C-alpha cells in the first residue's frame, strides 16, 4: 500500500479536479476471469459452477464476500476457518491468470486521455483487494493514468463507507469538493452520496438492479459520453448546492 501524498486533502494545484472510478464492471470488463477464478475456488468444495448471471449478485464486496455468497447461493454456508484457504485459492488463481480475458470497456482509454489532457486527475476506488487491482491494471498497462489506486483492504473501511472514497481522494491529492465518482453498482452510488460527491453510473457493469433505480446524478451508456463538459457541469452543480 502506498503512503498518502503530502498534499492529501488539499485542492490540487495543477489539476482541475479528480475523477474516481470503480474497477470491476466500470473501468474493466472482468466478468470472464472473475467467474473462472470463482468456479476454480468453489470446486474445492465440490460445488457446481456459477454463471455470469449469478455474478451480479455476488460481486461488489471483494473476494471474501463473493466466495461466501457463491457458497450460500448453492446452500453450502462456510465457516471462517474454511474461508481463509478459499480466499487464498482464489487470489492465487486470479493473480496467476492476469489479465486473462479482462479488457477496458469501449471508449474508456480515449475518455481518460481527454480528461487528463484537460487537467483532470484520475483515481481508482474498488472493493477488490488492492494488490489484485494494482496488479491487473499493471498487466493492462493502465497504472500510469491514476494518481491513486485503493482497494477493499487499503483502509479500515470500504465502500459504501464514505471514508473509502474520501481516503482515495486524499491519496490522489484531490479534494472532495472537486471530485466525481464513476461506478456501476449500489456501492459506488452509495459511497458517492455518503461522501457528498456527484456520481456517474454506467449500466453495463454488474449491478443486480437497474442503475436508474439507484438515482445517480447521470447515467452514461458509453465512455464516449464521459466528456470534460459533463464532469465540469457536475462539479459546478455540486458547488452551487453547497453555496445555497
C-alpha atoms as a PDB file:
ATOM      1  CA  UNK A   1       0.000   0.000   0.000  1.00  0.00           C
ATOM      2  CA  UNK A   2       1.362   3.401  -0.946  1.00  0.00           C
ATOM      3  CA  UNK A   3       1.500   6.256   1.569  1.00  0.00           C
ATOM      4  CA  UNK A   4      -0.780   9.238   1.125  1.00  0.00           C
ATOM      5  CA  UNK A   5       0.846  12.154  -0.709  1.00  0.00           C
ATOM      6  CA  UNK A   6       2.000  15.170   1.277  1.00  0.00           C
ATOM      7  CA  UNK A   7      -0.748  17.352  -0.191  1.00  0.00           C
ATOM      8  CA  UNK A   8      -3.507  14.934   0.857  1.00  0.00           C
ATOM      9  CA  UNK A   9      -6.864  16.634   1.279  1.00  0.00           C
ATOM     10  CA  UNK A  10      -5.795  19.857  -0.370  1.00  0.00           C
ATOM     11  CA  UNK A  11      -7.180  21.134  -3.643  1.00  0.00           C
ATOM     12  CA  UNK A  12      -4.703  20.034  -6.345  1.00  0.00           C
ATOM     13  CA  UNK A  13      -2.553  22.855  -7.627  1.00  0.00           C
ATOM     14  CA  UNK A  14      -2.150  21.593 -11.198  1.00  0.00           C
ATOM     15  CA  UNK A  15      -5.353  19.586 -11.631  1.00  0.00           C
ATOM     16  CA  UNK A  16      -8.824  20.941 -12.319  1.00  0.00           C
ATOM     17  CA  UNK A  17     -10.440  18.131 -10.377  1.00  0.00           C
ATOM     18  CA  UNK A  18     -10.462  14.401  -9.780  1.00  0.00           C
ATOM     19  CA  UNK A  19     -12.470  11.614 -11.413  1.00  0.00           C
ATOM     20  CA  UNK A  20     -12.579   8.430  -9.315  1.00  0.00           C
ATOM     21  CA  UNK A  21     -13.509   5.125 -10.967  1.00  0.00           C
ATOM     22  CA  UNK A  22     -14.697   1.821  -9.631  1.00  0.00           C
ATOM     23  CA  UNK A  23     -12.826  -1.089 -11.251  1.00  0.00           C
ATOM     24  CA  UNK A  24     -14.840  -4.264 -11.942  1.00  0.00           C
ATOM     25  CA  UNK A  25     -17.785  -3.552 -14.202  1.00  0.00           C
ATOM     26  CA  UNK A  26     -16.839   0.116 -14.537  1.00  0.00           C
ATOM     27  CA  UNK A  27     -13.288   0.517 -15.840  1.00  0.00           C
ATOM     28  CA  UNK A  28     -12.764  -3.087 -16.816  1.00  0.00           C
ATOM     29  CA  UNK A  29     -14.890  -5.947 -18.106  1.00  0.00           C
ATOM     30  CA  UNK A  30     -13.583  -8.621 -15.725  1.00  0.00           C
ATOM     31  CA  UNK A  31     -16.549 -10.985 -15.694  1.00  0.00           C
ATOM     32  CA  UNK A  32     -14.958 -13.937 -17.519  1.00  0.00           C
ATOM     33  CA  UNK A  33     -11.921 -14.028 -15.237  1.00  0.00           C
ATOM     34  CA  UNK A  34     -13.922 -13.492 -12.052  1.00  0.00           C
ATOM     35  CA  UNK A  35     -16.246 -16.369 -12.924  1.00  0.00           C
ATOM     36  CA  UNK A  36     -13.353 -18.654 -13.872  1.00  0.00           C
ATOM     37  CA  UNK A  37     -11.426 -17.969 -10.650  1.00  0.00           C
ATOM     38  CA  UNK A  38     -14.538 -18.213  -8.509  1.00  0.00           C
ATOM     39  CA  UNK A  39     -15.501 -21.551 -10.049  1.00  0.00           C
ATOM     40  CA  UNK A  40     -11.956 -22.835  -9.596  1.00  0.00           C
ATOM     41  CA  UNK A  41     -12.214 -21.813  -5.942  1.00  0.00           C
ATOM     42  CA  UNK A  42     -15.565 -23.398  -5.106  1.00  0.00           C
ATOM     43  CA  UNK A  43     -14.647 -26.571  -6.999  1.00  0.00           C
ATOM     44  CA  UNK A  44     -12.598 -27.376  -3.891  1.00  0.00           C
ATOM     45  CA  UNK A  45     -15.959 -27.796  -2.137  1.00  0.00           C
ATOM     46  CA  UNK A  46     -17.408 -29.857  -4.988  1.00  0.00           C
ATOM     47  CA  UNK A  47     -19.911 -27.102  -5.774  1.00  0.00           C
ATOM     48  CA  UNK A  48     -21.479 -26.519  -9.172  1.00  0.00           C
ATOM     49  CA  UNK A  49     -20.046 -23.658 -11.252  1.00  0.00           C
ATOM     50  CA  UNK A  50     -21.690 -20.243 -11.093  1.00  0.00           C
ATOM     51  CA  UNK A  51     -22.599 -18.320 -14.244  1.00  0.00           C
ATOM     52  CA  UNK A  52     -22.338 -14.723 -15.409  1.00  0.00           C
ATOM     53  CA  UNK A  53     -25.995 -14.252 -14.471  1.00  0.00           C
ATOM     54  CA  UNK A  54     -25.072 -15.134 -10.886  1.00  0.00           C
ATOM     55  CA  UNK A  55     -22.160 -12.688 -10.870  1.00  0.00           C
ATOM     56  CA  UNK A  56     -24.278  -9.561 -10.434  1.00  0.00           C
ATOM     57  CA  UNK A  57     -25.485 -10.940  -7.090  1.00  0.00           C
ATOM     58  CA  UNK A  58     -22.004 -11.965  -5.963  1.00  0.00           C
ATOM     59  CA  UNK A  59     -19.569  -9.120  -6.673  1.00  0.00           C
ATOM     60  CA  UNK A  60     -19.128  -5.747  -5.022  1.00  0.00           C
ATOM     61  CA  UNK A  61     -17.573  -6.509  -1.640  1.00  0.00           C
ATOM     62  CA  UNK A  62     -14.334  -8.210  -2.616  1.00  0.00           C
ATOM     63  CA  UNK A  63     -13.212 -11.827  -2.978  1.00  0.00           C
ATOM     64  CA  UNK A  64     -14.081 -12.966   0.547  1.00  0.00           C
ATOM     65  CA  UNK A  65     -17.707 -11.903   0.337  1.00  0.00           C
ATOM     66  CA  UNK A  66     -18.002 -13.132  -3.251  1.00  0.00           C
ATOM     67  CA  UNK A  67     -16.922 -16.635  -2.190  1.00  0.00           C
ATOM     68  CA  UNK A  68     -19.284 -16.586   0.795  1.00  0.00           C
ATOM     69  CA  UNK A  69     -22.180 -15.539  -1.405  1.00  0.00           C
ATOM     70  CA  UNK A  70     -21.396 -18.161  -4.050  1.00  0.00           C
ATOM     71  CA  UNK A  71     -21.423 -20.899  -1.425  1.00  0.00           C
ATOM     72  CA  UNK A  72     -24.606 -19.624   0.167  1.00  0.00           C
ATOM     73  CA  UNK A  73     -26.236 -19.472  -3.265  1.00  0.00           C
ATOM     74  CA  UNK A  74     -25.719 -23.225  -3.509  1.00  0.00           C
ATOM     75  CA  UNK A  75     -26.869 -23.978   0.008  1.00  0.00           C
ATOM     76  CA  UNK A  76     -23.366 -24.509   1.378  1.00  0.00           C
ATOM     77  CA  UNK A  77     -22.597 -21.929   4.062  1.00  0.00           C
ATOM     78  CA  UNK A  78     -18.917 -21.941   5.028  1.00  0.00           C
ATOM     79  CA  UNK A  79     -17.145 -21.292   8.294  1.00  0.00           C
ATOM     80  CA  UNK A  80     -14.498 -18.638   8.838  1.00  0.00           C
ATOM     81  CA  UNK A  81     -11.943 -21.446   9.127  1.00  0.00           C
ATOM     82  CA  UNK A  82     -12.833 -22.687   5.640  1.00  0.00           C
ATOM     83  CA  UNK A  83     -12.988 -19.218   4.130  1.00  0.00           C
ATOM     84  CA  UNK A  84      -9.336 -18.239   4.604  1.00  0.00           C
ATOM     85  CA  UNK A  85      -7.876 -21.017   2.434  1.00  0.00           C
ATOM     86  CA  UNK A  86     -10.579 -20.457  -0.184  1.00  0.00           C
ATOM     87  CA  UNK A  87      -9.661 -16.767  -0.460  1.00  0.00           C
ATOM     88  CA  UNK A  88      -6.003 -17.750  -0.866  1.00  0.00           C
ATOM     89  CA  UNK A  89      -7.023 -20.232  -3.580  1.00  0.00           C
ATOM     90  CA  UNK A  90      -8.986 -17.542  -5.410  1.00  0.00           C
ATOM     91  CA  UNK A  91      -6.227 -14.920  -5.175  1.00  0.00           C
ATOM     92  CA  UNK A  92      -3.567 -17.363  -6.369  1.00  0.00           C
ATOM     93  CA  UNK A  93      -5.612 -18.438  -9.393  1.00  0.00           C
ATOM     94  CA  UNK A  94      -6.729 -14.915 -10.298  1.00  0.00           C
ATOM     95  CA  UNK A  95      -3.216 -13.488  -9.960  1.00  0.00           C
ATOM     96  CA  UNK A  96      -1.629 -16.272 -11.985  1.00  0.00           C
ATOM     97  CA  UNK A  97      -4.007 -15.714 -14.888  1.00  0.00           C
ATOM     98  CA  UNK A  98      -3.970 -11.902 -15.137  1.00  0.00           C
ATOM     99  CA  UNK A  99      -5.025 -10.201 -17.300  1.00  0.00           C
ATOM    100  CA  UNK A 100      -6.817 -13.145 -18.878  1.00  0.00           C
ATOM    101  CA  UNK A 101      -9.863 -12.028 -20.856  1.00  0.00           C
ATOM    102  CA  UNK A 102     -10.157  -8.711 -18.995  1.00  0.00           C
ATOM    103  CA  UNK A 103     -10.137  -5.527 -21.053  1.00  0.00           C
ATOM    104  CA  UNK A 104     -11.169  -1.880 -20.688  1.00  0.00           C
ATOM    105  CA  UNK A 105     -14.691  -1.026 -21.726  1.00  0.00           C
ATOM    106  CA  UNK A 106     -15.047   0.568 -25.176  1.00  0.00           C
ATOM    107  CA  UNK A 107     -14.071   4.224 -25.234  1.00  0.00           C
ATOM    108  CA  UNK A 108     -12.544   4.204 -21.753  1.00  0.00           C
ATOM    109  CA  UNK A 109      -8.937   4.919 -22.677  1.00  0.00           C
ATOM    110  CA  UNK A 110      -9.956   7.751 -25.006  1.00  0.00           C
ATOM    111  CA  UNK A 111     -12.129   9.221 -22.233  1.00  0.00           C
ATOM    112  CA  UNK A 112      -9.273   9.092 -19.730  1.00  0.00           C
ATOM    113  CA  UNK A 113      -6.960  10.709 -22.269  1.00  0.00           C
ATOM    114  CA  UNK A 114      -9.484  13.534 -22.761  1.00  0.00           C
ATOM    115  CA  UNK A 115      -9.794  14.165 -19.052  1.00  0.00           C
ATOM    116  CA  UNK A 116      -6.056  14.046 -18.419  1.00  0.00           C
ATOM    117  CA  UNK A 117      -5.354  16.363 -21.360  1.00  0.00           C
ATOM    118  CA  UNK A 118      -7.757  18.904 -19.900  1.00  0.00           C
ATOM    119  CA  UNK A 119      -6.063  18.821 -16.495  1.00  0.00           C
ATOM    120  CA  UNK A 120      -8.153  16.325 -14.537  1.00  0.00           C
ATOM    121  CA  UNK A 121      -6.542  13.713 -12.307  1.00  0.00           C
ATOM    122  CA  UNK A 122      -7.842  10.130 -12.116  1.00  0.00           C
ATOM    123  CA  UNK A 123      -8.026   7.512  -9.358  1.00  0.00           C
ATOM    124  CA  UNK A 124      -9.466   4.060  -8.652  1.00  0.00           C
ATOM    125  CA  UNK A 125     -11.586   3.144  -5.628  1.00  0.00           C
ATOM    126  CA  UNK A 126     -12.538  -0.544  -5.629  1.00  0.00           C
ATOM    127  CA  UNK A 127     -13.525  -3.192  -3.096  1.00  0.00           C
ATOM    128  CA  UNK A 128     -11.202  -5.601  -4.920  1.00  0.00           C
ATOM    129  CA  UNK A 129      -8.044  -6.333  -2.936  1.00  0.00           C
ATOM    130  CA  UNK A 130      -5.551  -3.530  -3.597  1.00  0.00           C
ATOM    131  CA  UNK A 131      -2.850  -5.928  -4.754  1.00  0.00           C
ATOM    132  CA  UNK A 132      -5.172  -7.572  -7.270  1.00  0.00           C
ATOM    133  CA  UNK A 133      -6.420  -4.206  -8.538  1.00  0.00           C
ATOM    134  CA  UNK A 134      -2.926  -2.782  -8.942  1.00  0.00           C
ATOM    135  CA  UNK A 135      -1.582  -5.978 -10.474  1.00  0.00           C
ATOM    136  CA  UNK A 136      -4.396  -6.160 -13.005  1.00  0.00           C
ATOM    137  CA  UNK A 137      -4.017  -2.525 -14.053  1.00  0.00           C
ATOM    138  CA  UNK A 138      -0.252  -3.028 -14.364  1.00  0.00           C
ATOM    139  CA  UNK A 139      -0.758  -6.040 -16.641  1.00  0.00           C
ATOM    140  CA  UNK A 140      -3.054  -3.935 -18.817  1.00  0.00           C
ATOM    141  CA  UNK A 141      -0.591  -1.030 -18.911  1.00  0.00           C
ATOM    142  CA  UNK A 142      -3.017   1.403 -17.270  1.00  0.00           C
ATOM    143  CA  UNK A 143      -1.477   2.300 -13.904  1.00  0.00           C
ATOM    144  CA  UNK A 144       0.133   5.480 -15.235  1.00  0.00           C
ATOM    145  CA  UNK A 145      -3.321   7.036 -15.609  1.00  0.00           C
ATOM    146  CA  UNK A 146      -4.030   7.038 -11.870  1.00  0.00           C
ATOM    147  CA  UNK A 147      -2.788   9.172  -9.000  1.00  0.00           C
ATOM    148  CA  UNK A 148      -4.074   6.584  -6.507  1.00  0.00           C
ATOM    149  CA  UNK A 149      -5.432   3.035  -6.579  1.00  0.00           C
ATOM    150  CA  UNK A 150      -7.149   1.875  -3.396  1.00  0.00           C
ATOM    151  CA  UNK A 151      -8.800  -1.445  -2.650  1.00  0.00           C
ATOM    152  CA  UNK A 152     -11.062  -3.079  -0.122  1.00  0.00           C
ATOM    153  CA  UNK A 153      -8.097  -3.725   2.179  1.00  0.00           C
ATOM    154  CA  UNK A 154      -6.360  -0.337   1.809  1.00  0.00           C
ATOM    155  CA  UNK A 155      -8.217   1.302   4.689  1.00  0.00           C
ATOM    156  CA  UNK A 156     -10.178   0.034   7.673  1.00  0.00           C
ATOM    157  CA  UNK A 157     -13.363   0.900   5.787  1.00  0.00           C
ATOM    158  CA  UNK A 158     -14.602   0.015   2.325  1.00  0.00           C
ATOM    159  CA  UNK A 159     -17.403   1.140   0.012  1.00  0.00           C
ATOM    160  CA  UNK A 160     -20.136   2.165   0.666  1.00  0.00           C
ATOM    161  CA  UNK A 161     -18.452   3.775   3.701  1.00  0.00           C
ATOM    162  CA  UNK A 162     -17.650   7.363   2.688  1.00  0.00           C
ATOM    163  CA  UNK A 163     -14.186   7.082   4.208  1.00  0.00           C
ATOM    164  CA  UNK A 164     -13.064   4.731   1.454  1.00  0.00           C
ATOM    165  CA  UNK A 165     -13.811   7.342  -1.191  1.00  0.00           C
ATOM    166  CA  UNK A 166     -12.568  10.329   0.806  1.00  0.00           C
ATOM    167  CA  UNK A 167      -9.385   8.419   1.630  1.00  0.00           C
ATOM    168  CA  UNK A 168      -8.861   7.701  -2.059  1.00  0.00           C
ATOM    169  CA  UNK A 169      -9.380  11.358  -2.901  1.00  0.00           C
ATOM    170  CA  UNK A 170      -6.801  12.331  -0.287  1.00  0.00           C
ATOM    171  CA  UNK A 171      -4.241   9.861  -1.626  1.00  0.00           C
ATOM    172  CA  UNK A 172      -4.757  11.243  -5.110  1.00  0.00           C
ATOM    173  CA  UNK A 173      -4.053  14.769  -3.850  1.00  0.00           C
ATOM    174  CA  UNK A 174      -7.597  15.852  -4.621  1.00  0.00           C
ATOM    175  CA  UNK A 175     -10.438  17.484  -2.740  1.00  0.00           C
ATOM    176  CA  UNK A 176     -13.962  16.233  -2.131  1.00  0.00           C
ATOM    177  CA  UNK A 177     -15.454  19.459  -3.492  1.00  0.00           C
ATOM    178  CA  UNK A 178     -13.729  18.889  -6.856  1.00  0.00           C
ATOM    179  CA  UNK A 179     -14.265  15.148  -7.267  1.00  0.00           C
ATOM    180  CA  UNK A 180     -16.666  12.941  -9.233  1.00  0.00           C
ATOM    181  CA  UNK A 181     -17.266   9.195  -8.825  1.00  0.00           C
ATOM    182  CA  UNK A 182     -17.945   6.787 -11.705  1.00  0.00           C
ATOM    183  CA  UNK A 183     -19.395   3.361 -10.921  1.00  0.00           C
ATOM    184  CA  UNK A 184     -21.740   0.559 -11.885  1.00  0.00           C
ATOM    185  CA  UNK A 185     -23.413  -0.592  -8.674  1.00  0.00           C
ATOM    186  CA  UNK A 186     -25.137   0.353  -5.445  1.00  0.00           C
ATOM    187  CA  UNK A 187     -21.850   0.514  -3.507  1.00  0.00           C
ATOM    188  CA  UNK A 188     -20.414   3.092  -5.905  1.00  0.00           C
ATOM    189  CA  UNK A 189     -23.506   5.263  -5.945  1.00  0.00           C
ATOM    190  CA  UNK A 190     -23.953   4.965  -2.178  1.00  0.00           C
ATOM    191  CA  UNK A 191     -20.325   5.820  -1.360  1.00  0.00           C
ATOM    192  CA  UNK A 192     -20.518   8.904  -3.543  1.00  0.00           C
ATOM    193  CA  UNK A 193     -23.724  10.072  -1.907  1.00  0.00           C
ATOM    194  CA  UNK A 194     -22.309   9.344   1.551  1.00  0.00           C
ATOM    195  CA  UNK A 195     -19.245  11.445   0.724  1.00  0.00           C
ATOM    196  CA  UNK A 196     -21.247  14.242  -0.903  1.00  0.00           C
ATOM    197  CA  UNK A 197     -19.657  13.624  -4.312  1.00  0.00           C
ATOM    198  CA  UNK A 198     -21.514  13.683  -7.676  1.00  0.00           C
ATOM    199  CA  UNK A 199     -21.796  10.238  -9.246  1.00  0.00           C
ATOM    200  CA  UNK A 200     -21.935   8.998 -12.829  1.00  0.00           C
ATOM    201  CA  UNK A 201     -23.337   5.497 -13.331  1.00  0.00           C
ATOM    202  CA  UNK A 202     -22.711   3.046 -16.158  1.00  0.00           C
ATOM    203  CA  UNK A 203     -25.387   0.416 -16.934  1.00  0.00           C
ATOM    204  CA  UNK A 204     -23.090  -2.186 -18.500  1.00  0.00           C
ATOM    205  CA  UNK A 205     -21.498  -3.432 -15.263  1.00  0.00           C
ATOM    206  CA  UNK A 206     -22.514  -5.901 -12.585  1.00  0.00           C
ATOM    207  CA  UNK A 207     -25.422  -4.245 -10.797  1.00  0.00           C
ATOM    208  CA  UNK A 208     -28.214  -6.633  -9.824  1.00  0.00           C
ATOM    209  CA  UNK A 209     -30.763  -3.825 -10.230  1.00  0.00           C
ATOM    210  CA  UNK A 210     -31.122  -1.180 -12.955  1.00  0.00           C
ATOM    211  CA  UNK A 211     -28.716   1.640 -12.087  1.00  0.00           C
ATOM    212  CA  UNK A 212     -31.506   4.129 -12.817  1.00  0.00           C
ATOM    213  CA  UNK A 213     -33.269   2.848  -9.694  1.00  0.00           C
ATOM    214  CA  UNK A 214     -30.265   3.925  -7.596  1.00  0.00           C
ATOM    215  CA  UNK A 215     -30.679   7.589  -8.565  1.00  0.00           C
ATOM    216  CA  UNK A 216     -27.185   8.558  -9.742  1.00  0.00           C
ATOM    217  CA  UNK A 217     -26.659  12.111 -10.939  1.00  0.00           C
ATOM    218  CA  UNK A 218     -26.042  10.961 -14.513  1.00  0.00           C
ATOM    219  CA  UNK A 219     -26.086   7.678 -16.460  1.00  0.00           C
ATOM    220  CA  UNK A 220     -23.786   7.205 -19.449  1.00  0.00           C
ATOM    221  CA  UNK A 221     -24.156   4.213 -21.752  1.00  0.00           C
ATOM    222  CA  UNK A 222     -20.726   4.538 -23.416  1.00  0.00           C
ATOM    223  CA  UNK A 223     -17.468   6.201 -22.440  1.00  0.00           C
ATOM    224  CA  UNK A 224     -17.786   8.490 -25.435  1.00  0.00           C
ATOM    225  CA  UNK A 225     -20.248  10.342 -23.188  1.00  0.00           C
ATOM    226  CA  UNK A 226     -17.688  10.892 -20.411  1.00  0.00           C
ATOM    227  CA  UNK A 227     -16.626  14.357 -21.502  1.00  0.00           C
ATOM    228  CA  UNK A 228     -14.873  17.251 -19.827  1.00  0.00           C
ATOM    229  CA  UNK A 229     -18.110  19.225 -20.162  1.00  0.00           C
ATOM    230  CA  UNK A 230     -20.091  16.549 -18.302  1.00  0.00           C
ATOM    231  CA  UNK A 231     -17.616  16.376 -15.420  1.00  0.00           C
ATOM    232  CA  UNK A 232     -17.314  20.147 -15.130  1.00  0.00           C
ATOM    233  CA  UNK A 233     -21.088  20.507 -15.189  1.00  0.00           C
ATOM    234  CA  UNK A 234     -21.441  18.070 -12.282  1.00  0.00           C
ATOM    235  CA  UNK A 235     -18.748  19.855 -10.287  1.00  0.00           C
ATOM    236  CA  UNK A 236     -20.355  23.240 -10.863  1.00  0.00           C
ATOM    237  CA  UNK A 237     -23.728  21.812  -9.865  1.00  0.00           C
ATOM    238  CA  UNK A 238     -22.253  20.441  -6.644  1.00  0.00           C
ATOM    239  CA  UNK A 239     -20.617  23.787  -5.880  1.00  0.00           C
ATOM    240  CA  UNK A 240     -23.936  25.546  -6.434  1.00  0.00           C
ATOM    241  CA  UNK A 241     -25.678  23.221  -3.956  1.00  0.00           C
ATOM    242  CA  UNK A 242     -23.043  23.964  -1.323  1.00  0.00           C
ATOM    243  CA  UNK A 243     -23.407  27.690  -1.906  1.00  0.00           C
ATOM    244  CA  UNK A 244     -27.191  27.649  -1.361  1.00  0.00           C
END
